[in-house]
């Protein structure tokens, strides 16, 4: 039986950035689920439990702060690790990892590996 790769949820409204992040992470052997806003992200988390959520803060429909607040109300999501990937890093919700945009690819991949283990 084959092992299922670790799953990473990438939540980013900018399609070009999201595609670049997805390509980098899948290139390392991780499975990636994408969401273009916070509302979609919550649905994806409920469907596909990730080992980490890479979360932009400034998004339409539902921003990153709202996503974290909603995650904290749902026991199945409250323990999911979050890494904020944003140019905005003030007033951060709960204890989260932070990668400030523009983020280096090496830092991003190291963060994923730290939370998800090697692919």
N, C-alpha and C. Protein backbone atom coordinates (compact mmCIF):
# COMPACT_ATOMS: atom_id res chain seq x y z
N UNK A 1 0.84 -1.18 0.00
CA UNK A 1 0.00 0.00 0.00
C UNK A 1 0.88 1.24 0.00
N UNK A 2 0.59 2.19 -0.89
CA UNK A 2 1.38 3.41 -1.00
C UNK A 2 0.99 4.39 0.11
N UNK A 3 1.97 5.12 0.59
CA UNK A 3 1.71 6.14 1.59
C UNK A 3 1.12 7.38 0.93
N UNK A 4 0.17 8.01 1.60
CA UNK A 4 -0.42 9.25 1.10
C UNK A 4 0.51 10.39 1.49
N UNK A 5 0.86 11.27 0.54
CA UNK A 5 1.75 12.38 0.89
C UNK A 5 1.07 13.36 1.84
N UNK A 6 1.88 14.07 2.60
CA UNK A 6 1.36 15.09 3.49
C UNK A 6 0.62 16.14 2.67
N UNK A 7 -0.49 16.63 3.22
CA UNK A 7 -1.35 17.58 2.50
C UNK A 7 -1.18 18.99 3.06
N UNK A 8 -0.97 19.94 2.17
CA UNK A 8 -0.80 21.35 2.51
C UNK A 8 -1.94 22.13 1.88
N UNK A 9 -2.57 23.02 2.66
CA UNK A 9 -3.61 23.89 2.12
C UNK A 9 -3.00 25.26 1.87
N UNK A 10 -3.06 25.72 0.63
CA UNK A 10 -2.55 27.03 0.24
C UNK A 10 -3.75 27.95 0.02
N UNK A 11 -3.84 29.00 0.85
CA UNK A 11 -4.95 29.94 0.78
C UNK A 11 -4.40 31.29 0.36
N UNK A 12 -4.67 31.64 -0.89
CA UNK A 12 -4.10 32.85 -1.49
C UNK A 12 -5.04 33.33 -2.59
N UNK A 13 -5.45 34.60 -2.55
CA UNK A 13 -6.36 35.11 -3.56
C UNK A 13 -5.66 35.48 -4.87
N UNK A 14 -4.37 35.76 -4.82
CA UNK A 14 -3.63 36.10 -6.04
C UNK A 14 -3.27 34.80 -6.76
N UNK A 15 -3.89 34.59 -7.91
CA UNK A 15 -3.72 33.33 -8.63
C UNK A 15 -2.26 33.04 -8.99
N UNK A 16 -1.52 34.06 -9.42
CA UNK A 16 -0.12 33.85 -9.81
C UNK A 16 0.72 33.39 -8.62
N UNK A 17 0.52 34.03 -7.48
CA UNK A 17 1.26 33.64 -6.27
C UNK A 17 0.85 32.24 -5.85
N UNK A 18 -0.47 31.98 -5.85
CA UNK A 18 -0.96 30.66 -5.45
C UNK A 18 -0.37 29.57 -6.34
N UNK A 19 -0.37 29.79 -7.63
CA UNK A 19 0.17 28.79 -8.56
C UNK A 19 1.66 28.56 -8.33
N UNK A 20 2.41 29.61 -8.08
CA UNK A 20 3.86 29.46 -7.83
C UNK A 20 4.11 28.67 -6.54
N UNK A 21 3.35 28.96 -5.50
CA UNK A 21 3.51 28.24 -4.24
C UNK A 21 3.13 26.77 -4.41
N UNK A 22 2.01 26.54 -5.08
CA UNK A 22 1.56 25.16 -5.32
C UNK A 22 2.62 24.39 -6.11
N UNK A 23 3.15 24.99 -7.14
CA UNK A 23 4.17 24.32 -7.96
C UNK A 23 5.40 23.96 -7.13
N UNK A 24 5.84 24.89 -6.29
CA UNK A 24 7.03 24.64 -5.46
C UNK A 24 6.78 23.50 -4.47
N UNK A 25 5.62 23.49 -3.86
CA UNK A 25 5.34 22.48 -2.84
C UNK A 25 5.08 21.12 -3.45
N UNK A 26 4.33 21.08 -4.54
CA UNK A 26 4.11 19.78 -5.20
C UNK A 26 5.40 19.24 -5.79
N UNK A 27 6.27 20.14 -6.22
CA UNK A 27 7.57 19.73 -6.74
C UNK A 27 8.42 19.02 -5.71
N UNK A 28 8.15 19.26 -4.46
CA UNK A 28 8.86 18.58 -3.36
C UNK A 28 8.17 17.29 -2.93
N UNK A 29 7.00 16.99 -3.51
CA UNK A 29 6.33 15.73 -3.22
C UNK A 29 5.16 15.81 -2.26
N UNK A 30 4.77 17.02 -1.87
CA UNK A 30 3.61 17.17 -1.01
C UNK A 30 2.34 17.26 -1.85
N UNK A 31 1.24 16.83 -1.28
CA UNK A 31 -0.06 17.04 -1.91
C UNK A 31 -0.53 18.44 -1.52
N UNK A 32 -1.14 19.15 -2.46
CA UNK A 32 -1.59 20.52 -2.19
C UNK A 32 -3.06 20.65 -2.53
N UNK A 33 -3.78 21.31 -1.64
CA UNK A 33 -5.16 21.70 -1.87
C UNK A 33 -5.15 23.23 -1.90
N UNK A 34 -5.89 23.82 -2.83
CA UNK A 34 -5.88 25.27 -3.01
C UNK A 34 -7.21 25.89 -2.61
N UNK A 35 -7.13 27.16 -2.16
CA UNK A 35 -8.33 27.95 -1.91
C UNK A 35 -8.01 29.40 -2.23
N UNK A 36 -8.98 30.07 -2.88
CA UNK A 36 -8.76 31.45 -3.29
C UNK A 36 -9.29 32.47 -2.29
N UNK A 37 -9.97 31.99 -1.25
CA UNK A 37 -10.43 32.89 -0.19
C UNK A 37 -10.71 32.07 1.07
N UNK A 38 -11.01 32.76 2.15
CA UNK A 38 -11.18 32.09 3.42
C UNK A 38 -12.37 31.16 3.50
N UNK A 39 -13.47 31.53 2.86
CA UNK A 39 -14.66 30.67 2.89
C UNK A 39 -14.37 29.33 2.22
N UNK A 40 -13.74 29.39 1.07
CA UNK A 40 -13.36 28.16 0.36
C UNK A 40 -12.35 27.37 1.20
N UNK A 41 -11.43 28.08 1.84
CA UNK A 41 -10.41 27.41 2.67
C UNK A 41 -11.05 26.57 3.77
N UNK A 42 -12.05 27.12 4.45
CA UNK A 42 -12.70 26.36 5.52
C UNK A 42 -13.37 25.10 4.96
N UNK A 43 -14.02 25.22 3.81
CA UNK A 43 -14.62 24.04 3.19
C UNK A 43 -13.56 23.00 2.84
N UNK A 44 -12.43 23.46 2.28
CA UNK A 44 -11.36 22.53 1.91
C UNK A 44 -10.78 21.83 3.15
N UNK A 45 -10.61 22.59 4.24
CA UNK A 45 -10.09 21.98 5.47
C UNK A 45 -11.00 20.90 6.00
N UNK A 46 -12.29 21.13 5.91
CA UNK A 46 -13.26 20.14 6.39
C UNK A 46 -13.25 18.89 5.52
N UNK A 47 -12.94 19.05 4.24
CA UNK A 47 -12.89 17.92 3.30
C UNK A 47 -11.55 17.20 3.32
N UNK A 48 -10.47 17.95 3.44
CA UNK A 48 -9.11 17.42 3.30
C UNK A 48 -8.25 17.93 4.45
N UNK A 49 -8.13 17.18 5.50
CA UNK A 49 -7.36 17.64 6.66
C UNK A 49 -5.90 17.90 6.28
N UNK A 50 -5.45 19.16 6.39
CA UNK A 50 -4.07 19.47 6.04
C UNK A 50 -3.13 19.33 7.24
N UNK A 51 -1.85 19.15 6.96
CA UNK A 51 -0.85 19.17 8.03
C UNK A 51 -0.45 20.59 8.35
N UNK A 52 -0.70 21.53 7.43
CA UNK A 52 -0.48 22.97 7.67
C UNK A 52 -1.32 23.76 6.68
N UNK A 53 -1.72 24.96 7.12
CA UNK A 53 -2.42 25.91 6.26
C UNK A 53 -1.49 27.09 6.03
N UNK A 54 -1.17 27.36 4.78
CA UNK A 54 -0.40 28.55 4.40
C UNK A 54 -1.44 29.60 4.04
N UNK A 55 -1.59 30.61 4.91
CA UNK A 55 -2.75 31.50 4.87
C UNK A 55 -2.37 32.95 4.63
N UNK A 56 -2.88 33.50 3.53
CA UNK A 56 -2.79 34.93 3.30
C UNK A 56 -3.80 35.61 4.21
N UNK A 57 -3.54 36.83 4.62
CA UNK A 57 -4.48 37.55 5.48
C UNK A 57 -5.46 38.42 4.71
N UNK A 58 -4.97 39.11 3.70
CA UNK A 58 -5.78 40.08 2.96
C UNK A 58 -6.41 39.40 1.74
N UNK A 59 -7.70 39.02 1.89
CA UNK A 59 -8.41 38.33 0.81
C UNK A 59 -9.86 38.79 0.78
N UNK A 60 -10.49 38.68 -0.39
CA UNK A 60 -11.92 38.99 -0.48
C UNK A 60 -12.75 37.86 0.13
N UNK A 61 -14.01 38.09 0.28
CA UNK A 61 -15.01 37.14 0.78
C UNK A 61 -14.82 36.89 2.27
N UNK A 62 -13.71 36.30 2.66
CA UNK A 62 -13.38 36.08 4.07
C UNK A 62 -11.88 36.18 4.21
N UNK A 63 -11.42 37.11 5.05
CA UNK A 63 -9.97 37.30 5.19
C UNK A 63 -9.35 36.28 6.16
N UNK A 64 -8.05 36.33 6.26
CA UNK A 64 -7.33 35.37 7.09
C UNK A 64 -7.66 35.43 8.56
N UNK A 65 -7.90 36.64 9.08
CA UNK A 65 -8.26 36.77 10.49
C UNK A 65 -9.58 36.04 10.77
N UNK A 66 -10.54 36.18 9.86
CA UNK A 66 -11.83 35.50 10.01
C UNK A 66 -11.67 33.98 9.91
N UNK A 67 -10.79 33.53 9.04
CA UNK A 67 -10.53 32.09 8.90
C UNK A 67 -10.03 31.52 10.24
N UNK A 68 -9.05 32.18 10.83
CA UNK A 68 -8.49 31.69 12.09
C UNK A 68 -9.56 31.71 13.18
N UNK A 69 -10.34 32.78 13.24
CA UNK A 69 -11.40 32.85 14.25
C UNK A 69 -12.39 31.70 14.09
N UNK A 70 -12.75 31.40 12.86
CA UNK A 70 -13.68 30.29 12.61
C UNK A 70 -13.03 28.95 12.93
N UNK A 71 -11.77 28.78 12.57
CA UNK A 71 -11.06 27.54 12.88
C UNK A 71 -11.06 27.29 14.39
N UNK A 72 -10.87 28.35 15.16
CA UNK A 72 -10.79 28.22 16.61
C UNK A 72 -12.12 27.81 17.24
N UNK A 73 -13.23 27.96 16.51
CA UNK A 73 -14.54 27.56 17.04
C UNK A 73 -14.89 26.11 16.69
N UNK A 74 -14.11 25.50 15.80
CA UNK A 74 -14.39 24.13 15.37
C UNK A 74 -13.30 23.20 15.89
N UNK A 75 -13.66 22.30 16.80
CA UNK A 75 -12.65 21.42 17.40
C UNK A 75 -11.79 20.66 16.38
N UNK A 76 -12.38 20.26 15.26
CA UNK A 76 -11.61 19.50 14.27
C UNK A 76 -10.59 20.37 13.53
N UNK A 77 -10.75 21.70 13.58
CA UNK A 77 -9.84 22.60 12.89
C UNK A 77 -8.94 23.39 13.83
N UNK A 78 -9.29 23.47 15.09
CA UNK A 78 -8.58 24.34 16.03
C UNK A 78 -7.12 23.99 16.20
N UNK A 79 -6.78 22.73 16.03
CA UNK A 79 -5.39 22.30 16.23
C UNK A 79 -4.56 22.30 14.95
N UNK A 80 -5.16 22.63 13.83
CA UNK A 80 -4.44 22.64 12.56
C UNK A 80 -3.42 23.78 12.58
N UNK A 81 -2.15 23.49 12.34
CA UNK A 81 -1.13 24.55 12.32
C UNK A 81 -1.35 25.53 11.16
N UNK A 82 -1.06 26.80 11.44
CA UNK A 82 -1.21 27.85 10.46
C UNK A 82 0.11 28.59 10.30
N UNK A 83 0.44 28.90 9.06
CA UNK A 83 1.55 29.80 8.78
C UNK A 83 0.98 30.95 7.97
N UNK A 84 1.03 32.14 8.55
CA UNK A 84 0.59 33.33 7.86
C UNK A 84 1.64 33.69 6.81
N UNK A 85 1.21 33.83 5.56
CA UNK A 85 2.09 34.23 4.46
C UNK A 85 1.50 35.51 3.91
N UNK A 86 2.02 36.63 4.40
CA UNK A 86 1.39 37.91 4.08
C UNK A 86 2.37 39.06 4.24
N UNK A 87 2.11 40.14 3.56
CA UNK A 87 2.88 41.37 3.77
C UNK A 87 2.44 42.06 5.05
N UNK A 88 1.26 41.70 5.54
CA UNK A 88 0.70 42.28 6.77
C UNK A 88 0.91 41.31 7.92
N UNK A 89 1.64 41.73 8.92
CA UNK A 89 1.90 40.80 10.02
C UNK A 89 1.60 41.41 11.39
N UNK A 90 0.73 42.40 11.42
CA UNK A 90 0.36 42.96 12.72
C UNK A 90 -1.00 42.39 13.14
N UNK A 91 -1.25 42.43 14.41
CA UNK A 91 -2.51 41.91 14.96
C UNK A 91 -2.75 40.47 14.54
N UNK A 92 -1.71 39.67 14.64
CA UNK A 92 -1.84 38.28 14.23
C UNK A 92 -2.72 37.49 15.19
N UNK A 93 -3.55 36.63 14.63
CA UNK A 93 -4.39 35.79 15.47
C UNK A 93 -3.58 34.65 16.08
N UNK A 94 -3.89 34.26 17.27
CA UNK A 94 -3.27 33.16 18.02
C UNK A 94 -1.79 32.99 17.75
N UNK A 95 -1.23 31.93 18.22
CA UNK A 95 0.20 31.65 18.02
C UNK A 95 0.37 30.96 16.67
N UNK A 96 0.88 31.68 15.69
CA UNK A 96 1.05 31.15 14.35
C UNK A 96 2.47 31.41 13.86
N UNK A 97 2.89 30.61 12.91
CA UNK A 97 4.16 30.88 12.23
C UNK A 97 3.88 32.01 11.23
N UNK A 98 4.91 32.76 10.88
CA UNK A 98 4.75 33.88 9.96
C UNK A 98 5.88 33.88 8.93
N UNK A 99 5.51 34.01 7.67
CA UNK A 99 6.45 34.26 6.59
C UNK A 99 5.98 35.53 5.91
N UNK A 100 6.82 36.54 5.93
CA UNK A 100 6.45 37.84 5.38
C UNK A 100 6.73 37.87 3.88
N UNK A 101 5.74 38.32 3.10
CA UNK A 101 5.90 38.47 1.66
C UNK A 101 6.81 39.66 1.38
N UNK A 102 7.65 39.58 0.38
CA UNK A 102 7.87 38.42 -0.47
C UNK A 102 8.66 37.35 0.28
N UNK A 103 8.17 36.15 0.23
CA UNK A 103 8.76 35.05 0.99
C UNK A 103 9.77 34.30 0.12
N UNK A 104 10.83 33.85 0.75
CA UNK A 104 11.81 33.05 0.00
C UNK A 104 11.28 31.62 -0.13
N UNK A 105 11.55 31.03 -1.26
CA UNK A 105 11.13 29.66 -1.51
C UNK A 105 11.73 28.71 -0.48
N UNK A 106 12.98 28.92 -0.12
CA UNK A 106 13.64 28.05 0.86
C UNK A 106 12.92 28.12 2.21
N UNK A 107 12.54 29.32 2.65
CA UNK A 107 11.83 29.48 3.92
C UNK A 107 10.47 28.81 3.88
N UNK A 108 9.78 28.97 2.78
CA UNK A 108 8.46 28.37 2.62
C UNK A 108 8.54 26.85 2.70
N UNK A 109 9.46 26.28 1.95
CA UNK A 109 9.60 24.82 1.93
C UNK A 109 10.07 24.28 3.29
N UNK A 110 10.94 25.02 3.95
CA UNK A 110 11.40 24.60 5.28
C UNK A 110 10.26 24.61 6.28
N UNK A 111 9.41 25.61 6.21
CA UNK A 111 8.26 25.69 7.09
C UNK A 111 7.31 24.51 6.86
N UNK A 112 7.03 24.20 5.61
CA UNK A 112 6.18 23.06 5.30
C UNK A 112 6.79 21.78 5.86
N UNK A 113 8.07 21.58 5.64
CA UNK A 113 8.72 20.37 6.15
C UNK A 113 8.73 20.33 7.67
N UNK A 114 8.90 21.46 8.32
CA UNK A 114 8.88 21.50 9.78
C UNK A 114 7.56 21.01 10.34
N UNK A 115 6.46 21.36 9.68
CA UNK A 115 5.13 20.99 10.18
C UNK A 115 4.63 19.66 9.64
N UNK A 116 5.02 19.33 8.42
CA UNK A 116 4.47 18.14 7.76
C UNK A 116 5.44 16.96 7.71
N UNK A 117 6.70 17.22 8.03
CA UNK A 117 7.70 16.19 7.88
C UNK A 117 8.16 16.11 6.44
N UNK A 118 9.16 15.30 6.18
CA UNK A 118 9.63 15.18 4.80
C UNK A 118 8.57 14.49 3.94
N UNK A 119 8.53 14.86 2.67
CA UNK A 119 7.52 14.26 1.77
C UNK A 119 7.76 12.78 1.54
